[in-house]
Amino acid sequence: MTLVFVNLGRTVAGVILVETVFSWPGLGGLFYQALSVPDLPLVQGLFFVFASAVIVMNTLADLLYPLLDPRVGR
């Protein structure tokens, strides 16, 4: 369960590589362009979005544990 949600959060980080290699438009490509220019406010904002996605996925995993496994206390 933990690995599923942690990997979902890390998938957002993998988007940067995929969008850069295949030239797909999206946040990953925007992040790469912001690093190339350097546009530091945009880099900080996108880093915040990516970090928030990881934190949200970890929080969801923690909240779903008691529902899926009754042995885990609340």
PDB file of N, CA and C in Angstrom:
ATOM      1  N   MET A   1       0.820  -1.186   0.000  1.00  0.00           N
ATOM      2  CA  MET A   1       0.000   0.000   0.000  1.00  0.00           C
ATOM      3  C   MET A   1       0.868   1.256   0.000  1.00  0.00           C
ATOM      4  N   THR A   2       1.869   1.252   0.846  1.00  0.00           N
ATOM      5  CA  THR A   2       2.751   2.412   0.921  1.00  0.00           C
ATOM      6  C   THR A   2       3.454   2.639  -0.408  1.00  0.00           C
ATOM      7  N   LEU A   3       3.953   1.575  -0.996  1.00  0.00           N
ATOM      8  CA  LEU A   3       4.695   1.711  -2.249  1.00  0.00           C
ATOM      9  C   LEU A   3       3.817   2.226  -3.381  1.00  0.00           C
ATOM     10  N   VAL A   4       2.553   1.862  -3.383  1.00  0.00           N
ATOM     11  CA  VAL A   4       1.652   2.344  -4.436  1.00  0.00           C
ATOM     12  C   VAL A   4       1.537   3.860  -4.373  1.00  0.00           C
ATOM     13  N   PHE A   5       1.287   4.397  -3.191  1.00  0.00           N
ATOM     14  CA  PHE A   5       1.088   5.838  -3.074  1.00  0.00           C
ATOM     15  C   PHE A   5       2.400   6.614  -3.202  1.00  0.00           C
ATOM     16  N   VAL A   6       3.495   6.043  -2.717  1.00  0.00           N
ATOM     17  CA  VAL A   6       4.781   6.713  -2.881  1.00  0.00           C
ATOM     18  C   VAL A   6       5.146   6.767  -4.356  1.00  0.00           C
ATOM     19  N   ASN A   7       4.899   5.678  -5.080  1.00  0.00           N
ATOM     20  CA  ASN A   7       5.199   5.676  -6.512  1.00  0.00           C
ATOM     21  C   ASN A   7       4.280   6.601  -7.291  1.00  0.00           C
ATOM     22  N   LEU A   8       3.038   6.770  -6.859  1.00  0.00           N
ATOM     23  CA  LEU A   8       2.154   7.739  -7.511  1.00  0.00           C
ATOM     24  C   LEU A   8       2.698   9.159  -7.342  1.00  0.00           C
ATOM     25  N   GLY A   9       3.223   9.446  -6.178  1.00  0.00           N
ATOM     26  CA  GLY A   9       3.815  10.763  -5.950  1.00  0.00           C
ATOM     27  C   GLY A   9       5.076  10.970  -6.766  1.00  0.00           C
ATOM     28  N   ARG A  10       5.872   9.929  -6.917  1.00  0.00           N
ATOM     29  CA  ARG A  10       7.107  10.031  -7.700  1.00  0.00           C
ATOM     30  C   ARG A  10       6.834  10.067  -9.195  1.00  0.00           C
ATOM     31  N   THR A  11       5.688   9.615  -9.611  1.00  0.00           N
ATOM     32  CA  THR A  11       5.332   9.657 -11.022  1.00  0.00           C
ATOM     33  C   THR A  11       5.322  11.090 -11.524  1.00  0.00           C
ATOM     34  N   VAL A  12       4.924  11.999 -10.673  1.00  0.00           N
ATOM     35  CA  VAL A  12       4.917  13.411 -11.049  1.00  0.00           C
ATOM     36  C   VAL A  12       6.328  13.865 -11.391  1.00  0.00           C
ATOM     37  N   ALA A  13       7.309  13.402 -10.648  1.00  0.00           N
ATOM     38  CA  ALA A  13       8.693  13.766 -10.935  1.00  0.00           C
ATOM     39  C   ALA A  13       9.174  13.120 -12.235  1.00  0.00           C
ATOM     40  N   GLY A  14       8.692  11.930 -12.549  1.00  0.00           N
ATOM     41  CA  GLY A  14       9.064  11.270 -13.791  1.00  0.00           C
ATOM     42  C   GLY A  14       8.493  11.945 -15.015  1.00  0.00           C
ATOM     43  N   VAL A  15       7.481  12.755 -14.818  1.00  0.00           N
ATOM     44  CA  VAL A  15       6.854  13.486 -15.917  1.00  0.00           C
ATOM     45  C   VAL A  15       7.860  14.427 -16.572  1.00  0.00           C
ATOM     46  N   ILE A  16       8.757  14.983 -15.799  1.00  0.00           N
ATOM     47  CA  ILE A  16       9.749  15.918 -16.342  1.00  0.00           C
ATOM     48  C   ILE A  16      10.584  15.230 -17.412  1.00  0.00           C
ATOM     49  N   LEU A  17      11.060  14.040 -17.118  1.00  0.00           N
ATOM     50  CA  LEU A  17      11.889  13.304 -18.070  1.00  0.00           C
ATOM     51  C   LEU A  17      11.094  12.908 -19.310  1.00  0.00           C
ATOM     52  N   VAL A  18       9.908  12.363 -19.119  1.00  0.00           N
ATOM     53  CA  VAL A  18       9.100  11.893 -20.247  1.00  0.00           C
ATOM     54  C   VAL A  18       8.710  13.042 -21.161  1.00  0.00           C
ATOM     55  N   GLU A  19       8.259  14.150 -20.587  1.00  0.00           N
ATOM     56  CA  GLU A  19       7.832  15.280 -21.411  1.00  0.00           C
ATOM     57  C   GLU A  19       9.008  15.930 -22.134  1.00  0.00           C
ATOM     58  N   THR A  20      10.184  15.884 -21.531  1.00  0.00           N
ATOM     59  CA  THR A  20      11.355  16.452 -22.183  1.00  0.00           C
ATOM     60  C   THR A  20      11.809  15.571 -23.343  1.00  0.00           C
ATOM     61  N   VAL A  21      11.855  14.261 -23.136  1.00  0.00           N
ATOM     62  CA  VAL A  21      12.323  13.351 -24.167  1.00  0.00           C
ATOM     63  C   VAL A  21      11.367  13.310 -25.352  1.00  0.00           C
ATOM     64  N   PHE A  22      10.072  13.243 -25.098  1.00  0.00           N
ATOM     65  CA  PHE A  22       9.097  13.097 -26.175  1.00  0.00           C
ATOM     66  C   PHE A  22       8.484  14.429 -26.635  1.00  0.00           C
ATOM     67  N   SER A  23       8.951  15.540 -26.095  1.00  0.00           N
ATOM     68  CA  SER A  23       8.481  16.882 -26.458  1.00  0.00           C
ATOM     69  C   SER A  23       6.974  17.036 -26.289  1.00  0.00           C
ATOM     70  N   TRP A  24       6.441  16.497 -25.217  1.00  0.00           N
ATOM     71  CA  TRP A  24       5.015  16.659 -24.912  1.00  0.00           C
ATOM     72  C   TRP A  24       4.838  17.933 -24.091  1.00  0.00           C
ATOM     73  N   PRO A  25       3.796  18.700 -24.342  1.00  0.00           N
ATOM     74  CA  PRO A  25       3.567  19.892 -23.517  1.00  0.00           C
ATOM     75  C   PRO A  25       2.992  19.505 -22.160  1.00  0.00           C
ATOM     76  N   GLY A  26       3.435  20.188 -21.135  1.00  0.00           N
ATOM     77  CA  GLY A  26       2.934  19.924 -19.796  1.00  0.00           C
ATOM     78  C   GLY A  26       3.821  20.563 -18.746  1.00  0.00           C
ATOM     79  N   LEU A  27       3.561  20.226 -17.485  1.00  0.00           N
ATOM     80  CA  LEU A  27       4.330  20.822 -16.388  1.00  0.00           C
ATOM     81  C   LEU A  27       5.785  20.394 -16.401  1.00  0.00           C
ATOM     82  N   GLY A  28       6.053  19.161 -16.817  1.00  0.00           N
ATOM     83  CA  GLY A  28       7.436  18.695 -16.877  1.00  0.00           C
ATOM     84  C   GLY A  28       8.256  19.462 -17.892  1.00  0.00           C
ATOM     85  N   GLY A  29       7.681  19.674 -19.067  1.00  0.00           N
ATOM     86  CA  GLY A  29       8.369  20.461 -20.092  1.00  0.00           C
ATOM     87  C   GLY A  29       8.547  21.908 -19.665  1.00  0.00           C
ATOM     88  N   LEU A  30       7.534  22.438 -19.005  1.00  0.00           N
ATOM     89  CA  LEU A  30       7.616  23.810 -18.501  1.00  0.00           C
ATOM     90  C   LEU A  30       8.724  23.933 -17.456  1.00  0.00           C
ATOM     91  N   PHE A  31       8.840  22.923 -16.594  1.00  0.00           N
ATOM     92  CA  PHE A  31       9.887  22.922 -15.572  1.00  0.00           C
ATOM     93  C   PHE A  31      11.267  22.891 -16.226  1.00  0.00           C
ATOM     94  N   TYR A  32      11.424  22.062 -17.256  1.00  0.00           N
ATOM     95  CA  TYR A  32      12.702  21.965 -17.963  1.00  0.00           C
ATOM     96  C   TYR A  32      13.052  23.289 -18.639  1.00  0.00           C
ATOM     97  N   GLN A  33      12.065  23.928 -19.269  1.00  0.00           N
ATOM     98  CA  GLN A  33      12.303  25.224 -19.900  1.00  0.00           C
ATOM     99  C   GLN A  33      12.659  26.286 -18.869  1.00  0.00           C
ATOM    100  N   ALA A  34      12.006  26.243 -17.723  1.00  0.00           N
ATOM    101  CA  ALA A  34      12.297  27.223 -16.674  1.00  0.00           C
ATOM    102  C   ALA A  34      13.708  27.035 -16.126  1.00  0.00           C
ATOM    103  N   LEU A  35      14.178  25.799 -16.094  1.00  0.00           N
ATOM    104  CA  LEU A  35      15.556  25.559 -15.661  1.00  0.00           C
ATOM    105  C   LEU A  35      16.558  26.022 -16.706  1.00  0.00           C
ATOM    106  N   SER A  36      16.196  25.928 -17.969  1.00  0.00           N
ATOM    107  CA  SER A  36      17.098  26.322 -19.050  1.00  0.00           C
ATOM    108  C   SER A  36      17.275  27.829 -19.135  1.00  0.00           C
ATOM    109  N   VAL A  37      16.245  28.588 -18.772  1.00  0.00           N
ATOM    110  CA  VAL A  37      16.267  30.040 -19.016  1.00  0.00           C
ATOM    111  C   VAL A  37      17.148  30.801 -18.030  1.00  0.00           C
ATOM    112  N   PRO A  38      17.280  30.756 -16.874  1.00  0.00           N
ATOM    113  CA  PRO A  38      16.648  30.317 -15.640  1.00  0.00           C
ATOM    114  C   PRO A  38      15.570  31.284 -15.150  1.00  0.00           C
ATOM    115  N   ASP A  39      14.404  30.737 -14.937  1.00  0.00           N
ATOM    116  CA  ASP A  39      13.259  31.481 -14.414  1.00  0.00           C
ATOM    117  C   ASP A  39      12.976  30.948 -13.008  1.00  0.00           C
ATOM    118  N   LEU A  40      13.655  31.517 -12.024  1.00  0.00           N
ATOM    119  CA  LEU A  40      13.620  30.973 -10.674  1.00  0.00           C
ATOM    120  C   LEU A  40      12.248  31.007 -10.005  1.00  0.00           C
ATOM    121  N   PRO A  41      11.431  32.054 -10.155  1.00  0.00           N
ATOM    122  CA  PRO A  41      10.101  31.999  -9.538  1.00  0.00           C
ATOM    123  C   PRO A  41       9.235  30.859 -10.095  1.00  0.00           C
ATOM    124  N   LEU A  42       9.338  30.604 -11.392  1.00  0.00           N
ATOM    125  CA  LEU A  42       8.583  29.509 -11.993  1.00  0.00           C
ATOM    126  C   LEU A  42       9.097  28.161 -11.505  1.00  0.00           C
ATOM    127  N   VAL A  43      10.409  28.020 -11.382  1.00  0.00           N
ATOM    128  CA  VAL A  43      11.000  26.779 -10.864  1.00  0.00           C
ATOM    129  C   VAL A  43      10.526  26.538  -9.437  1.00  0.00           C
ATOM    130  N   GLN A  44      10.521  27.573  -8.614  1.00  0.00           N
ATOM    131  CA  GLN A  44      10.066  27.425  -7.235  1.00  0.00           C
ATOM    132  C   GLN A  44       8.598  27.037  -7.166  1.00  0.00           C
ATOM    133  N   GLY A  45       7.775  27.647  -8.000  1.00  0.00           N
ATOM    134  CA  GLY A  45       6.353  27.322  -8.005  1.00  0.00           C
ATOM    135  C   GLY A  45       6.092  25.892  -8.451  1.00  0.00           C
ATOM    136  N   LEU A  46       6.770  25.448  -9.505  1.00  0.00           N
ATOM    137  CA  LEU A  46       6.581  24.079  -9.978  1.00  0.00           C
ATOM    138  C   LEU A  46       7.142  23.065  -8.985  1.00  0.00           C
ATOM    139  N   PHE A  47       8.257  23.396  -8.348  1.00  0.00           N
ATOM    140  CA  PHE A  47       8.796  22.514  -7.321  1.00  0.00           C
ATOM    141  C   PHE A  47       7.802  22.368  -6.176  1.00  0.00           C
ATOM    142  N   PHE A  48       7.137  23.458  -5.831  1.00  0.00           N
ATOM    143  CA  PHE A  48       6.121  23.412  -4.788  1.00  0.00           C
ATOM    144  C   PHE A  48       4.962  22.503  -5.197  1.00  0.00           C
ATOM    145  N   VAL A  49       4.540  22.586  -6.455  1.00  0.00           N
ATOM    146  CA  VAL A  49       3.456  21.734  -6.952  1.00  0.00           C
ATOM    147  C   VAL A  49       3.864  20.264  -6.907  1.00  0.00           C
ATOM    148  N   PHE A  50       5.064  19.947  -7.370  1.00  0.00           N
ATOM    149  CA  PHE A  50       5.529  18.557  -7.374  1.00  0.00           C
ATOM    150  C   PHE A  50       5.692  18.025  -5.948  1.00  0.00           C
ATOM    151  N   ALA A  51       6.252  18.828  -5.056  1.00  0.00           N
ATOM    152  CA  ALA A  51       6.422  18.402  -3.668  1.00  0.00           C
ATOM    153  C   ALA A  51       5.067  18.228  -2.982  1.00  0.00           C
ATOM    154  N   SER A  52       4.119  19.096  -3.303  1.00  0.00           N
ATOM    155  CA  SER A  52       2.778  18.966  -2.725  1.00  0.00           C
ATOM    156  C   SER A  52       2.106  17.678  -3.176  1.00  0.00           C
ATOM    157  N   ALA A  53       2.320  17.285  -4.419  1.00  0.00           N
ATOM    158  CA  ALA A  53       1.744  16.033  -4.918  1.00  0.00           C
ATOM    159  C   ALA A  53       2.282  14.836  -4.138  1.00  0.00           C
ATOM    160  N   VAL A  54       3.565  14.842  -3.849  1.00  0.00           N
ATOM    161  CA  VAL A  54       4.159  13.748  -3.076  1.00  0.00           C
ATOM    162  C   VAL A  54       3.601  13.738  -1.655  1.00  0.00           C
ATOM    163  N   ILE A  55       3.467  14.901  -1.050  1.00  0.00           N
ATOM    164  CA  ILE A  55       2.948  14.989   0.318  1.00  0.00           C
ATOM    165  C   ILE A  55       1.497  14.535   0.378  1.00  0.00           C
ATOM    166  N   VAL A  56       0.693  14.929  -0.600  1.00  0.00           N
ATOM    167  CA  VAL A  56      -0.716  14.521  -0.631  1.00  0.00           C
ATOM    168  C   VAL A  56      -0.830  13.006  -0.778  1.00  0.00           C
ATOM    169  N   MET A  57      -0.024  12.407  -1.635  1.00  0.00           N
ATOM    170  CA  MET A  57      -0.079  10.955  -1.816  1.00  0.00           C
ATOM    171  C   MET A  57       0.330  10.213  -0.538  1.00  0.00           C
ATOM    172  N   ASN A  58       1.348  10.708   0.150  1.00  0.00           N
ATOM    173  CA  ASN A  58       1.750  10.088   1.413  1.00  0.00           C
ATOM    174  C   ASN A  58       0.667  10.236   2.477  1.00  0.00           C
ATOM    175  N   THR A  59       0.006  11.376   2.512  1.00  0.00           N
ATOM    176  CA  THR A  59      -1.081  11.586   3.471  1.00  0.00           C
ATOM    177  C   THR A  59      -2.255  10.665   3.174  1.00  0.00           C
ATOM    178  N   LEU A  60      -2.608  10.509   1.892  1.00  0.00           N
ATOM    179  CA  LEU A  60      -3.677   9.584   1.524  1.00  0.00           C
ATOM    180  C   LEU A  60      -3.350   8.158   1.931  1.00  0.00           C
ATOM    181  N   ALA A  61      -2.103   7.758   1.757  1.00  0.00           N
ATOM    182  CA  ALA A  61      -1.702   6.411   2.173  1.00  0.00           C
ATOM    183  C   ALA A  61      -1.878   6.249   3.677  1.00  0.00           C
ATOM    184  N   ASP A  62      -1.483   7.260   4.449  1.00  0.00           N
ATOM    185  CA  ASP A  62      -1.625   7.184   5.907  1.00  0.00           C
ATOM    186  C   ASP A  62      -3.087   7.143   6.334  1.00  0.00           C
ATOM    187  N   LEU A  63      -3.944   7.851   5.618  1.00  0.00           N
ATOM    188  CA  LEU A  63      -5.365   7.875   5.979  1.00  0.00           C
ATOM    189  C   LEU A  63      -6.088   6.589   5.572  1.00  0.00           C
ATOM    190  N   LEU A  64      -5.623   5.931   4.523  1.00  0.00           N
ATOM    191  CA  LEU A  64      -6.295   4.719   4.054  1.00  0.00           C
ATOM    192  C   LEU A  64      -5.845   3.453   4.779  1.00  0.00           C
ATOM    193  N   TYR A  65      -4.713   3.497   5.464  1.00  0.00           N
ATOM    194  CA  TYR A  65      -4.231   2.317   6.186  1.00  0.00           C
ATOM    195  C   TYR A  65      -5.259   1.733   7.147  1.00  0.00           C
ATOM    196  N   PRO A  66      -5.841   2.533   8.045  1.00  0.00           N
ATOM    197  CA  PRO A  66      -6.820   1.953   8.984  1.00  0.00           C
ATOM    198  C   PRO A  66      -8.065   1.396   8.300  1.00  0.00           C
ATOM    199  N   LEU A  67      -8.427   1.924   7.157  1.00  0.00           N
ATOM    200  CA  LEU A  67      -9.598   1.423   6.452  1.00  0.00           C
ATOM    201  C   LEU A  67      -9.331   0.068   5.793  1.00  0.00           C
ATOM    202  N   LEU A  68      -8.117  -0.130   5.311  1.00  0.00           N
ATOM    203  CA  LEU A  68      -7.784  -1.366   4.607  1.00  0.00           C
ATOM    204  C   LEU A  68      -7.291  -2.475   5.529  1.00  0.00           C
ATOM    205  N   ASP A  69      -6.676  -2.093   6.636  1.00  0.00           N
ATOM    206  CA  ASP A  69      -6.150  -3.086   7.578  1.00  0.00           C
ATOM    207  C   ASP A  69      -6.637  -2.721   8.973  1.00  0.00           C
ATOM    208  N   PRO A  70      -7.627  -3.452   9.497  1.00  0.00           N
ATOM    209  CA  PRO A  70      -8.195  -3.111  10.803  1.00  0.00           C
ATOM    210  C   PRO A  70      -7.216  -3.295  11.972  1.00  0.00           C
ATOM    211  N   ARG A  71      -6.126  -4.001  11.748  1.00  0.00           N
ATOM    212  CA  ARG A  71      -5.135  -4.179  12.824  1.00  0.00           C
ATOM    213  C   ARG A  71      -4.377  -2.904  13.137  1.00  0.00           C
ATOM    214  N   VAL A  72      -4.356  -1.984  12.187  1.00  0.00           N
ATOM    215  CA  VAL A  72      -3.670  -0.716  12.384  1.00  0.00           C
ATOM    216  C   VAL A  72      -4.581   0.198  13.186  1.00  0.00           C
ATOM    217  N   GLY A  73      -4.084   0.735  14.265  1.00  0.00           N
ATOM    218  CA  GLY A  73      -4.904   1.607  15.123  1.00  0.00           C
ATOM    219  C   GLY A  73      -5.130   2.959  14.502  1.00  0.00           C
ATOM    220  N   ARG A  74      -6.152   3.616  14.961  1.00  0.00           N
ATOM    221  CA  ARG A  74      -6.443   4.956  14.453  1.00  0.00           C
ATOM    222  C   ARG A  74      -5.793   6.000  15.265  1.00  0.00           C
TER     223      ARG A  74
END
